[in-house]
Amino acid sequence: MGFNFNGAEIETDANGFLVNHTDWSEELAEAMARAEGITLTEKHWDIINYLRDEYLNNGGNQPNTRTILKAMGEKWGEKPKQKDLYTLFPQDPSKQGGRIAGLPESKRKGGY
């Protein structure tokens, strides 16, 4: 499978996750989000950047929703609810957010 971006076919797996995370760019993330009906806001980018940082700089760590809630609470200076994250990424903040962040699909079970 693939994602057509700027006239090139970016290779993805059957679930839309990039096969090679180095293909990722902010412009590609915007296009992937648009294809899923999401307009990225600053809060979306906070989550995307957090997920990328955890994966790339913390041994491939892919945080679950509970961990994302805690990290965003610290970043945003308020305590978000799980519903707040699902409003941003309706298909699951850790999985859909990770897909748009260009990370491989998480194999762990459950999101919370």
PDB file of N, CA and C in Angstrom:
ATOM      1  N   MET A   1       0.848  -1.184   0.000  1.00  0.00           N
ATOM      2  CA  MET A   1       0.000   0.000   0.000  1.00  0.00           C
ATOM      3  C   MET A   1       0.886   1.237   0.000  1.00  0.00           C
ATOM      4  N   GLY A   2       0.247   2.373  -0.172  1.00  0.00           N
ATOM      5  CA  GLY A   2       1.012   3.595  -0.174  1.00  0.00           C
ATOM      6  C   GLY A   2       0.121   4.814   0.011  1.00  0.00           C
ATOM      7  N   PHE A   3       0.763   5.932   0.231  1.00  0.00           N
ATOM      8  CA  PHE A   3       0.090   7.216   0.387  1.00  0.00           C
ATOM      9  C   PHE A   3       0.672   8.146  -0.671  1.00  0.00           C
ATOM     10  N   ASN A   4      -0.183   8.667  -1.536  1.00  0.00           N
ATOM     11  CA  ASN A   4       0.271   9.551  -2.598  1.00  0.00           C
ATOM     12  C   ASN A   4       0.491  10.941  -2.014  1.00  0.00           C
ATOM     13  N   PHE A   5       1.733  11.422  -2.130  1.00  0.00           N
ATOM     14  CA  PHE A   5       2.093  12.713  -1.547  1.00  0.00           C
ATOM     15  C   PHE A   5       3.042  13.444  -2.491  1.00  0.00           C
ATOM     16  N   ASN A   6       2.643  14.612  -2.929  1.00  0.00           N
ATOM     17  CA  ASN A   6       3.455  15.430  -3.833  1.00  0.00           C
ATOM     18  C   ASN A   6       3.934  14.648  -5.055  1.00  0.00           C
ATOM     19  N   GLY A   7       3.051  13.839  -5.605  1.00  0.00           N
ATOM     20  CA  GLY A   7       3.381  13.088  -6.809  1.00  0.00           C
ATOM     21  C   GLY A   7       4.217  11.844  -6.585  1.00  0.00           C
ATOM     22  N   ALA A   8       4.508  11.526  -5.337  1.00  0.00           N
ATOM     23  CA  ALA A   8       5.288  10.328  -5.018  1.00  0.00           C
ATOM     24  C   ALA A   8       4.431   9.379  -4.186  1.00  0.00           C
ATOM     25  N   GLU A   9       4.720   8.122  -4.294  1.00  0.00           N
ATOM     26  CA  GLU A   9       4.020   7.110  -3.505  1.00  0.00           C
ATOM     27  C   GLU A   9       4.881   6.794  -2.279  1.00  0.00           C
ATOM     28  N   ILE A  10       4.373   7.162  -1.092  1.00  0.00           N
ATOM     29  CA  ILE A  10       5.069   6.874   0.170  1.00  0.00           C
ATOM     30  C   ILE A  10       4.574   5.516   0.648  1.00  0.00           C
ATOM     31  N   GLU A  11       5.483   4.596   0.882  1.00  0.00           N
ATOM     32  CA  GLU A  11       5.102   3.225   1.240  1.00  0.00           C
ATOM     33  C   GLU A  11       4.536   3.157   2.664  1.00  0.00           C
ATOM     34  N   THR A  12       3.352   2.529   2.765  1.00  0.00           N
ATOM     35  CA  THR A  12       2.707   2.301   4.062  1.00  0.00           C
ATOM     36  C   THR A  12       2.322   0.831   4.164  1.00  0.00           C
ATOM     37  N   ASP A  13       2.037   0.402   5.390  1.00  0.00           N
ATOM     38  CA  ASP A  13       1.536  -0.954   5.573  1.00  0.00           C
ATOM     39  C   ASP A  13       0.024  -0.967   5.337  1.00  0.00           C
ATOM     40  N   ALA A  14      -0.594  -2.098   5.550  1.00  0.00           N
ATOM     41  CA  ALA A  14      -2.025  -2.249   5.292  1.00  0.00           C
ATOM     42  C   ALA A  14      -2.887  -1.326   6.152  1.00  0.00           C
ATOM     43  N   ASN A  15      -2.363  -0.875   7.295  1.00  0.00           N
ATOM     44  CA  ASN A  15      -3.118   0.004   8.194  1.00  0.00           C
ATOM     45  C   ASN A  15      -2.743   1.475   8.045  1.00  0.00           C
ATOM     46  N   GLY A  16      -1.949   1.817   7.039  1.00  0.00           N
ATOM     47  CA  GLY A  16      -1.614   3.208   6.769  1.00  0.00           C
ATOM     48  C   GLY A  16      -0.412   3.755   7.511  1.00  0.00           C
ATOM     49  N   PHE A  17       0.331   2.903   8.211  1.00  0.00           N
ATOM     50  CA  PHE A  17       1.527   3.345   8.924  1.00  0.00           C
ATOM     51  C   PHE A  17       2.711   3.342   7.968  1.00  0.00           C
ATOM     52  N   LEU A  18       3.570   4.352   8.077  1.00  0.00           N
ATOM     53  CA  LEU A  18       4.732   4.417   7.201  1.00  0.00           C
ATOM     54  C   LEU A  18       5.619   3.196   7.401  1.00  0.00           C
ATOM     55  N   VAL A  19       6.095   2.652   6.306  1.00  0.00           N
ATOM     56  CA  VAL A  19       7.029   1.530   6.375  1.00  0.00           C
ATOM     57  C   VAL A  19       8.397   2.043   6.823  1.00  0.00           C
ATOM     58  N   ASN A  20       8.762   3.229   6.364  1.00  0.00           N
ATOM     59  CA  ASN A  20      10.047   3.825   6.726  1.00  0.00           C
ATOM     60  C   ASN A  20       9.782   5.166   7.403  1.00  0.00           C
ATOM     61  N   HIS A  21       9.997   5.234   8.711  1.00  0.00           N
ATOM     62  CA  HIS A  21       9.666   6.469   9.437  1.00  0.00           C
ATOM     63  C   HIS A  21      10.495   7.662   8.971  1.00  0.00           C
ATOM     64  N   THR A  22      11.594   7.443   8.254  1.00  0.00           N
ATOM     65  CA  THR A  22      12.388   8.570   7.756  1.00  0.00           C
ATOM     66  C   THR A  22      11.729   9.247   6.555  1.00  0.00           C
ATOM     67  N   ASP A  23      10.661   8.669   6.008  1.00  0.00           N
ATOM     68  CA  ASP A  23       9.887   9.326   4.948  1.00  0.00           C
ATOM     69  C   ASP A  23       9.032  10.463   5.501  1.00  0.00           C
ATOM     70  N   TRP A  24       8.885  10.518   6.815  1.00  0.00           N
ATOM     71  CA  TRP A  24       7.977  11.467   7.458  1.00  0.00           C
ATOM     72  C   TRP A  24       8.489  12.899   7.322  1.00  0.00           C
ATOM     73  N   SER A  25       7.545  13.821   7.195  1.00  0.00           N
ATOM     74  CA  SER A  25       7.821  15.257   7.275  1.00  0.00           C
ATOM     75  C   SER A  25       6.559  15.911   7.831  1.00  0.00           C
ATOM     76  N   GLU A  26       6.679  17.144   8.274  1.00  0.00           N
ATOM     77  CA  GLU A  26       5.504  17.851   8.777  1.00  0.00           C
ATOM     78  C   GLU A  26       4.466  18.009   7.672  1.00  0.00           C
ATOM     79  N   GLU A  27       4.925  18.245   6.450  1.00  0.00           N
ATOM     80  CA  GLU A  27       4.000  18.387   5.325  1.00  0.00           C
ATOM     81  C   GLU A  27       3.255  17.080   5.061  1.00  0.00           C
ATOM     82  N   LEU A  28       3.964  15.960   5.159  1.00  0.00           N
ATOM     83  CA  LEU A  28       3.318  14.656   4.985  1.00  0.00           C
ATOM     84  C   LEU A  28       2.307  14.425   6.112  1.00  0.00           C
ATOM     85  N   ALA A  29       2.658  14.795   7.331  1.00  0.00           N
ATOM     86  CA  ALA A  29       1.731  14.647   8.459  1.00  0.00           C
ATOM     87  C   ALA A  29       0.451  15.443   8.209  1.00  0.00           C
ATOM     88  N   GLU A  30       0.589  16.667   7.714  1.00  0.00           N
ATOM     89  CA  GLU A  30      -0.580  17.494   7.398  1.00  0.00           C
ATOM     90  C   GLU A  30      -1.462  16.789   6.368  1.00  0.00           C
ATOM     91  N   ALA A  31      -0.840  16.233   5.327  1.00  0.00           N
ATOM     92  CA  ALA A  31      -1.595  15.551   4.271  1.00  0.00           C
ATOM     93  C   ALA A  31      -2.266  14.287   4.805  1.00  0.00           C
ATOM     94  N   MET A  32      -1.563  13.518   5.626  1.00  0.00           N
ATOM     95  CA  MET A  32      -2.144  12.301   6.203  1.00  0.00           C
ATOM     96  C   MET A  32      -3.323  12.655   7.106  1.00  0.00           C
ATOM     97  N   ALA A  33      -3.160  13.702   7.904  1.00  0.00           N
ATOM     98  CA  ALA A  33      -4.242  14.128   8.798  1.00  0.00           C
ATOM     99  C   ALA A  33      -5.462  14.575   7.989  1.00  0.00           C
ATOM    100  N   ARG A  34      -5.237  15.373   6.948  1.00  0.00           N
ATOM    101  CA  ARG A  34      -6.346  15.821   6.097  1.00  0.00           C
ATOM    102  C   ARG A  34      -7.092  14.626   5.512  1.00  0.00           C
ATOM    103  N   ALA A  35      -6.348  13.606   5.091  1.00  0.00           N
ATOM    104  CA  ALA A  35      -6.972  12.404   4.518  1.00  0.00           C
ATOM    105  C   ALA A  35      -7.841  11.689   5.546  1.00  0.00           C
ATOM    106  N   GLU A  36      -7.577  11.911   6.833  1.00  0.00           N
ATOM    107  CA  GLU A  36      -8.363  11.302   7.905  1.00  0.00           C
ATOM    108  C   GLU A  36      -9.373  12.286   8.494  1.00  0.00           C
ATOM    109  N   GLY A  37      -9.526  13.439   7.847  1.00  0.00           N
ATOM    110  CA  GLY A  37     -10.512  14.414   8.290  1.00  0.00           C
ATOM    111  C   GLY A  37     -10.083  15.257   9.472  1.00  0.00           C
ATOM    112  N   ILE A  38      -8.784  15.385   9.685  1.00  0.00           N
ATOM    113  CA  ILE A  38      -8.254  16.136  10.827  1.00  0.00           C
ATOM    114  C   ILE A  38      -7.471  17.342  10.322  1.00  0.00           C
ATOM    115  N   THR A  39      -7.750  18.496  10.905  1.00  0.00           N
ATOM    116  CA  THR A  39      -6.943  19.693  10.680  1.00  0.00           C
ATOM    117  C   THR A  39      -6.048  19.851  11.898  1.00  0.00           C
ATOM    118  N   LEU A  40      -4.749  19.772  11.696  1.00  0.00           N
ATOM    119  CA  LEU A  40      -3.820  19.784  12.823  1.00  0.00           C
ATOM    120  C   LEU A  40      -3.741  21.164  13.467  1.00  0.00           C
ATOM    121  N   THR A  41      -3.886  21.162  14.795  1.00  0.00           N
ATOM    122  CA  THR A  41      -3.772  22.375  15.608  1.00  0.00           C
ATOM    123  C   THR A  41      -2.500  22.269  16.441  1.00  0.00           C
ATOM    124  N   GLU A  42      -2.247  23.286  17.231  1.00  0.00           N
ATOM    125  CA  GLU A  42      -1.070  23.267  18.105  1.00  0.00           C
ATOM    126  C   GLU A  42      -1.110  22.066  19.063  1.00  0.00           C
ATOM    127  N   LYS A  43      -2.285  21.747  19.574  1.00  0.00           N
ATOM    128  CA  LYS A  43      -2.391  20.598  20.493  1.00  0.00           C
ATOM    129  C   LYS A  43      -2.115  19.283  19.775  1.00  0.00           C
ATOM    130  N   HIS A  44      -2.578  19.165  18.529  1.00  0.00           N
ATOM    131  CA  HIS A  44      -2.231  17.973  17.740  1.00  0.00           C
ATOM    132  C   HIS A  44      -0.708  17.851  17.626  1.00  0.00           C
ATOM    133  N   TRP A  45      -0.079  18.979  17.283  1.00  0.00           N
ATOM    134  CA  TRP A  45       1.375  18.965  17.101  1.00  0.00           C
ATOM    135  C   TRP A  45       2.100  18.646  18.406  1.00  0.00           C
ATOM    136  N   ASP A  46       1.563  19.105  19.536  1.00  0.00           N
ATOM    137  CA  ASP A  46       2.172  18.758  20.823  1.00  0.00           C
ATOM    138  C   ASP A  46       2.210  17.238  20.986  1.00  0.00           C
ATOM    139  N   ILE A  47       1.111  16.585  20.666  1.00  0.00           N
ATOM    140  CA  ILE A  47       1.046  15.126  20.801  1.00  0.00           C
ATOM    141  C   ILE A  47       1.946  14.454  19.774  1.00  0.00           C
ATOM    142  N   ILE A  48       1.881  14.897  18.530  1.00  0.00           N
ATOM    143  CA  ILE A  48       2.727  14.314  17.480  1.00  0.00           C
ATOM    144  C   ILE A  48       4.202  14.439  17.850  1.00  0.00           C
ATOM    145  N   ASN A  49       4.614  15.624  18.260  1.00  0.00           N
ATOM    146  CA  ASN A  49       6.025  15.832  18.614  1.00  0.00           C
ATOM    147  C   ASN A  49       6.424  15.008  19.827  1.00  0.00           C
ATOM    148  N   TYR A  50       5.529  14.880  20.792  1.00  0.00           N
ATOM    149  CA  TYR A  50       5.802  14.044  21.960  1.00  0.00           C
ATOM    150  C   TYR A  50       5.981  12.584  21.546  1.00  0.00           C
ATOM    151  N   LEU A  51       5.065  12.083  20.724  1.00  0.00           N
ATOM    152  CA  LEU A  51       5.154  10.690  20.272  1.00  0.00           C
ATOM    153  C   LEU A  51       6.438  10.444  19.489  1.00  0.00           C
ATOM    154  N   ARG A  52       6.792  11.372  18.611  1.00  0.00           N
ATOM    155  CA  ARG A  52       8.028  11.221  17.833  1.00  0.00           C
ATOM    156  C   ARG A  52       9.253  11.247  18.741  1.00  0.00           C
ATOM    157  N   ASP A  53       9.268  12.169  19.692  1.00  0.00           N
ATOM    158  CA  ASP A  53      10.404  12.260  20.611  1.00  0.00           C
ATOM    159  C   ASP A  53      10.552  10.974  21.423  1.00  0.00           C
ATOM    160  N   GLU A  54       9.447  10.454  21.924  1.00  0.00           N
ATOM    161  CA  GLU A  54       9.507   9.217  22.706  1.00  0.00           C
ATOM    162  C   GLU A  54      10.028   8.056  21.863  1.00  0.00           C
ATOM    163  N   TYR A  55       9.561   7.962  20.635  1.00  0.00           N
ATOM    164  CA  TYR A  55       9.978   6.849  19.774  1.00  0.00           C
ATOM    165  C   TYR A  55      11.441   6.995  19.350  1.00  0.00           C
ATOM    166  N   LEU A  56      11.796   8.169  18.885  1.00  0.00           N
ATOM    167  CA  LEU A  56      13.134   8.363  18.312  1.00  0.00           C
ATOM    168  C   LEU A  56      14.221   8.525  19.363  1.00  0.00           C
ATOM    169  N   ASN A  57      13.877   9.059  20.532  1.00  0.00           N
ATOM    170  CA  ASN A  57      14.905   9.376  21.534  1.00  0.00           C
ATOM    171  C   ASN A  57      14.771   8.586  22.830  1.00  0.00           C
ATOM    172  N   ASN A  58      13.838   7.627  22.855  1.00  0.00           N
ATOM    173  CA  ASN A  58      13.632   6.861  24.081  1.00  0.00           C
ATOM    174  C   ASN A  58      13.466   5.374  23.749  1.00  0.00           C
ATOM    175  N   GLY A  59      14.333   4.884  22.901  1.00  0.00           N
ATOM    176  CA  GLY A  59      14.388   3.445  22.632  1.00  0.00           C
ATOM    177  C   GLY A  59      13.167   2.862  21.950  1.00  0.00           C
ATOM    178  N   GLY A  60      12.495   3.626  21.115  1.00  0.00           N
ATOM    179  CA  GLY A  60      11.327   3.094  20.424  1.00  0.00           C
ATOM    180  C   GLY A  60      10.070   3.058  21.269  1.00  0.00           C
ATOM    181  N   ASN A  61      10.055   3.805  22.369  1.00  0.00           N
ATOM    182  CA  ASN A  61       8.890   3.847  23.242  1.00  0.00           C
ATOM    183  C   ASN A  61       7.678   4.412  22.510  1.00  0.00           C
ATOM    184  N   GLN A  62       6.537   3.742  22.657  1.00  0.00           N
ATOM    185  CA  GLN A  62       5.284   4.230  22.083  1.00  0.00           C
ATOM    186  C   GLN A  62       4.261   4.325  23.212  1.00  0.00           C
ATOM    187  N   PRO A  63       4.124   5.527  23.799  1.00  0.00           N
ATOM    188  CA  PRO A  63       3.266   5.717  24.970  1.00  0.00           C
ATOM    189  C   PRO A  63       1.799   5.396  24.697  1.00  0.00           C
ATOM    190  N   ASN A  64       1.135   4.881  25.725  1.00  0.00           N
ATOM    191  CA  ASN A  64      -0.309   4.651  25.614  1.00  0.00           C
ATOM    192  C   ASN A  64      -1.044   5.939  25.974  1.00  0.00           C
ATOM    193  N   THR A  65      -2.359   5.908  25.875  1.00  0.00           N
ATOM    194  CA  THR A  65      -3.159   7.108  26.086  1.00  0.00           C
ATOM    195  C   THR A  65      -2.973   7.684  27.486  1.00  0.00           C
ATOM    196  N   ARG A  66      -2.897   6.843  28.479  1.00  0.00           N
ATOM    197  CA  ARG A  66      -2.717   7.337  29.851  1.00  0.00           C
ATOM    198  C   ARG A  66      -1.414   8.125  29.987  1.00  0.00           C
ATOM    199  N   THR A  67      -0.353   7.630  29.382  1.00  0.00           N
ATOM    200  CA  THR A  67       0.940   8.305  29.439  1.00  0.00           C
ATOM    201  C   THR A  67       0.897   9.618  28.658  1.00  0.00           C
ATOM    202  N   ILE A  68       0.205   9.608  27.520  1.00  0.00           N
ATOM    203  CA  ILE A  68       0.049  10.838  26.733  1.00  0.00           C
ATOM    204  C   ILE A  68      -0.730  11.873  27.551  1.00  0.00           C
ATOM    205  N   LEU A  69      -1.790  11.441  28.242  1.00  0.00           N
ATOM    206  CA  LEU A  69      -2.567  12.360  29.090  1.00  0.00           C
ATOM    207  C   LEU A  69      -1.674  13.041  30.117  1.00  0.00           C
ATOM    208  N   LYS A  70      -0.849  12.265  30.769  1.00  0.00           N
ATOM    209  CA  LYS A  70       0.031  12.813  31.804  1.00  0.00           C
ATOM    210  C   LYS A  70       1.023  13.808  31.197  1.00  0.00           C
ATOM    211  N   ALA A  71       1.638  13.445  30.077  1.00  0.00           N
ATOM    212  CA  ALA A  71       2.625  14.319  29.441  1.00  0.00           C
ATOM    213  C   ALA A  71       1.984  15.613  28.942  1.00  0.00           C
ATOM    214  N   MET A  72       0.788  15.522  28.367  1.00  0.00           N
ATOM    215  CA  MET A  72       0.123  16.722  27.865  1.00  0.00           C
ATOM    216  C   MET A  72      -0.372  17.587  29.017  1.00  0.00           C
ATOM    217  N   GLY A  73      -0.749  16.971  30.110  1.00  0.00           N
ATOM    218  CA  GLY A  73      -1.120  17.748  31.284  1.00  0.00           C
ATOM    219  C   GLY A  73       0.035  18.609  31.758  1.00  0.00           C
ATOM    220  N   GLU A  74       1.228  18.041  31.755  1.00  0.00           N
ATOM    221  CA  GLU A  74       2.418  18.797  32.142  1.00  0.00           C
ATOM    222  C   GLU A  74       2.713  19.890  31.116  1.00  0.00           C
ATOM    223  N   LYS A  75       2.575  19.580  29.852  1.00  0.00           N
ATOM    224  CA  LYS A  75       2.885  20.543  28.778  1.00  0.00           C
ATOM    225  C   LYS A  75       1.873  21.679  28.739  1.00  0.00           C
ATOM    226  N   TRP A  76       0.599  21.323  28.849  1.00  0.00           N
ATOM    227  CA  TRP A  76      -0.468  22.310  28.695  1.00  0.00           C
ATOM    228  C   TRP A  76      -0.803  23.046  29.986  1.00  0.00           C
ATOM    229  N   GLY A  77      -0.299  22.577  31.118  1.00  0.00           N
ATOM    230  CA  GLY A  77      -0.585  23.231  32.392  1.00  0.00           C
ATOM    231  C   GLY A  77      -2.014  23.041  32.855  1.00  0.00           C
ATOM    232  N   GLU A  78      -2.666  22.032  32.337  1.00  0.00           N
ATOM    233  CA  GLU A  78      -4.035  21.693  32.735  1.00  0.00           C
ATOM    234  C   GLU A  78      -4.152  20.181  32.653  1.00  0.00           C
ATOM    235  N   LYS A  79      -5.137  19.645  33.314  1.00  0.00           N
ATOM    236  CA  LYS A  79      -5.298  18.196  33.305  1.00  0.00           C
ATOM    237  C   LYS A  79      -6.344  17.807  32.254  1.00  0.00           C
ATOM    238  N   PRO A  80      -5.876  17.348  31.071  1.00  0.00           N
ATOM    239  CA  PRO A  80      -6.849  16.956  30.045  1.00  0.00           C
ATOM    240  C   PRO A  80      -7.527  15.647  30.425  1.00  0.00           C
ATOM    241  N   LYS A  81      -8.693  15.453  29.887  1.00  0.00           N
ATOM    242  CA  LYS A  81      -9.419  14.197  30.073  1.00  0.00           C
ATOM    243  C   LYS A  81      -9.177  13.332  28.834  1.00  0.00           C
ATOM    244  N   GLN A  82      -9.422  12.050  28.984  1.00  0.00           N
ATOM    245  CA  GLN A  82      -9.249  11.139  27.859  1.00  0.00           C
ATOM    246  C   GLN A  82     -10.079  11.614  26.664  1.00  0.00           C
ATOM    247  N   LYS A  83     -11.281  12.112  26.937  1.00  0.00           N
ATOM    248  CA  LYS A  83     -12.165  12.617  25.882  1.00  0.00           C
ATOM    249  C   LYS A  83     -11.491  13.730  25.074  1.00  0.00           C
ATOM    250  N   ASP A  84     -10.695  14.580  25.738  1.00  0.00           N
ATOM    251  CA  ASP A  84     -10.008  15.672  25.052  1.00  0.00           C
ATOM    252  C   ASP A  84      -9.044  15.124  23.990  1.00  0.00           C
ATOM    253  N   LEU A  85      -8.328  14.061  24.341  1.00  0.00           N
ATOM    254  CA  LEU A  85      -7.386  13.475  23.378  1.00  0.00           C
ATOM    255  C   LEU A  85      -8.116  12.774  22.243  1.00  0.00           C
ATOM    256  N   TYR A  86      -9.231  12.125  22.562  1.00  0.00           N
ATOM    257  CA  TYR A  86     -10.008  11.451  21.522  1.00  0.00           C
ATOM    258  C   TYR A  86     -10.732  12.456  20.620  1.00  0.00           C
ATOM    259  N   THR A  87     -10.947  13.671  21.098  1.00  0.00           N
ATOM    260  CA  THR A  87     -11.487  14.713  20.229  1.00  0.00           C
ATOM    261  C   THR A  87     -10.438  15.091  19.186  1.00  0.00           C
ATOM    262  N   LEU A  88      -9.176  15.106  19.583  1.00  0.00           N
ATOM    263  CA  LEU A  88      -8.097  15.430  18.656  1.00  0.00           C
ATOM    264  C   LEU A  88      -7.824  14.279  17.683  1.00  0.00           C
ATOM    265  N   PHE A  89      -7.756  13.059  18.207  1.00  0.00           N
ATOM    266  CA  PHE A  89      -7.472  11.865  17.410  1.00  0.00           C
ATOM    267  C   PHE A  89      -8.554  10.820  17.706  1.00  0.00           C
ATOM    268  N   PRO A  90      -9.693  10.896  17.011  1.00  0.00           N
ATOM    269  CA  PRO A  90     -10.851  10.051  17.322  1.00  0.00           C
ATOM    270  C   PRO A  90     -10.610   8.542  17.223  1.00  0.00           C
ATOM    271  N   GLN A  91      -9.639   8.120  16.424  1.00  0.00           N
ATOM    272  CA  GLN A  91      -9.404   6.686  16.268  1.00  0.00           C
ATOM    273  C   GLN A  91      -8.436   6.129  17.303  1.00  0.00           C
ATOM    274  N   ASP A  92      -8.008   6.910  18.243  1.00  0.00           N
ATOM    275  CA  ASP A  92      -7.119   6.538  19.349  1.00  0.00           C
ATOM    276  C   ASP A  92      -5.886   7.431  19.296  1.00  0.00           C
ATOM    277  N   PRO A  93      -5.675   8.229  20.321  1.00  0.00           N
ATOM    278  CA  PRO A  93      -4.553   9.161  20.320  1.00  0.00           C
ATOM    279  C   PRO A  93      -3.203   8.492  20.115  1.00  0.00           C
ATOM    280  N   SER A  94      -2.996   7.335  20.722  1.00  0.00           N
ATOM    281  CA  SER A  94      -1.690   6.698  20.585  1.00  0.00           C
ATOM    282  C   SER A  94      -1.517   6.057  19.217  1.00  0.00           C
ATOM    283  N   LYS A  95      -2.565   5.475  18.683  1.00  0.00           N
ATOM    284  CA  LYS A  95      -2.445   4.789  17.393  1.00  0.00           C
ATOM    285  C   LYS A  95      -2.605   5.751  16.213  1.00  0.00           C
ATOM    286  N   GLN A  96      -3.694   6.508  16.162  1.00  0.00           N
ATOM    287  CA  GLN A  96      -3.879   7.451  15.064  1.00  0.00           C
ATOM    288  C   GLN A  96      -2.829   8.559  15.139  1.00  0.00           C
ATOM    289  N   GLY A  97      -2.557   9.030  16.332  1.00  0.00           N
ATOM    290  CA  GLY A  97      -1.508  10.034  16.496  1.00  0.00           C
ATOM    291  C   GLY A  97      -0.159   9.503  16.040  1.00  0.00           C
ATOM    292  N   GLY A  98       0.136   8.256  16.394  1.00  0.00           N
ATOM    293  CA  GLY A  98       1.387   7.631  15.962  1.00  0.00           C
ATOM    294  C   GLY A  98       1.464   7.465  14.453  1.00  0.00           C
ATOM    295  N   ARG A  99       0.346   7.122  13.842  1.00  0.00           N
ATOM    296  CA  ARG A  99       0.321   6.966  12.379  1.00  0.00           C
ATOM    297  C   ARG A  99       0.645   8.302  11.712  1.00  0.00           C
ATOM    298  N   ILE A 100      -0.012   9.371  12.158  1.00  0.00           N
ATOM    299  CA  ILE A 100       0.225  10.690  11.581  1.00  0.00           C
ATOM    300  C   ILE A 100       1.631  11.183  11.923  1.00  0.00           C
ATOM    301  N   ALA A 101       2.174  10.734  13.045  1.00  0.00           N
ATOM    302  CA  ALA A 101       3.542  11.088  13.441  1.00  0.00           C
ATOM    303  C   ALA A 101       4.592  10.295  12.670  1.00  0.00           C
ATOM    304  N   GLY A 102       4.151   9.363  11.826  1.00  0.00           N
ATOM    305  CA  GLY A 102       5.086   8.609  10.995  1.00  0.00           C
ATOM    306  C   GLY A 102       5.765   7.452  11.692  1.00  0.00           C
ATOM    307  N   LEU A 103       5.169   6.988  12.786  1.00  0.00           N
ATOM    308  CA  LEU A 103       5.775   5.901  13.559  1.00  0.00           C
ATOM    309  C   LEU A 103       5.193   4.556  13.152  1.00  0.00           C
ATOM    310  N   PRO A 104       5.916   3.468  13.449  1.00  0.00           N
ATOM    311  CA  PRO A 104       5.350   2.155  13.141  1.00  0.00           C
ATOM    312  C   PRO A 104       4.146   1.865  14.022  1.00  0.00           C
ATOM    313  N   GLU A 105       3.310   0.948  13.582  1.00  0.00           N
ATOM    314  CA  GLU A 105       2.128   0.583  14.351  1.00  0.00           C
ATOM    315  C   GLU A 105       2.536  -0.070  15.658  1.00  0.00           C
ATOM    316  N   SER A 106       1.921   0.397  16.738  1.00  0.00           N
ATOM    317  CA  SER A 106       2.180  -0.176  18.056  1.00  0.00           C
ATOM    318  C   SER A 106       1.500  -1.549  18.127  1.00  0.00           C
ATOM    319  N   LYS A 107       2.199  -2.505  18.673  1.00  0.00           N
ATOM    320  CA  LYS A 107       1.670  -3.857  18.777  1.00  0.00           C
ATOM    321  C   LYS A 107       1.068  -4.154  20.144  1.00  0.00           C
ATOM    322  N   ARG A 108       1.119  -3.166  21.060  1.00  0.00           N
ATOM    323  CA  ARG A 108       0.551  -3.418  22.386  1.00  0.00           C
ATOM    324  C   ARG A 108      -0.962  -3.418  22.315  1.00  0.00           C
ATOM    325  N   LYS A 109      -1.589  -4.050  23.255  1.00  0.00           N
ATOM    326  CA  LYS A 109      -3.046  -4.136  23.287  1.00  0.00           C
ATOM    327  C   LYS A 109      -3.581  -3.030  24.176  1.00  0.00           C
ATOM    328  N   GLY A 110      -4.713  -2.508  23.779  1.00  0.00           N
ATOM    329  CA  GLY A 110      -5.370  -1.479  24.599  1.00  0.00           C
ATOM    330  C   GLY A 110      -4.726  -0.135  24.428  1.00  0.00           C
ATOM    331  N   GLY A 111      -5.468   0.898  24.684  1.00  0.00           N
ATOM    332  CA  GLY A 111      -4.949   2.254  24.526  1.00  0.00           C
ATOM    333  C   GLY A 111      -4.868   3.004  25.820  1.00  0.00           C
ATOM    334  N   TYR A 112      -5.385   2.420  26.905  1.00  0.00           N
ATOM    335  CA  TYR A 112      -5.396   3.185  28.150  1.00  0.00           C
ATOM    336  C   TYR A 112      -4.656   2.488  29.219  1.00  0.00           C
TER     337      TYR A 112
END
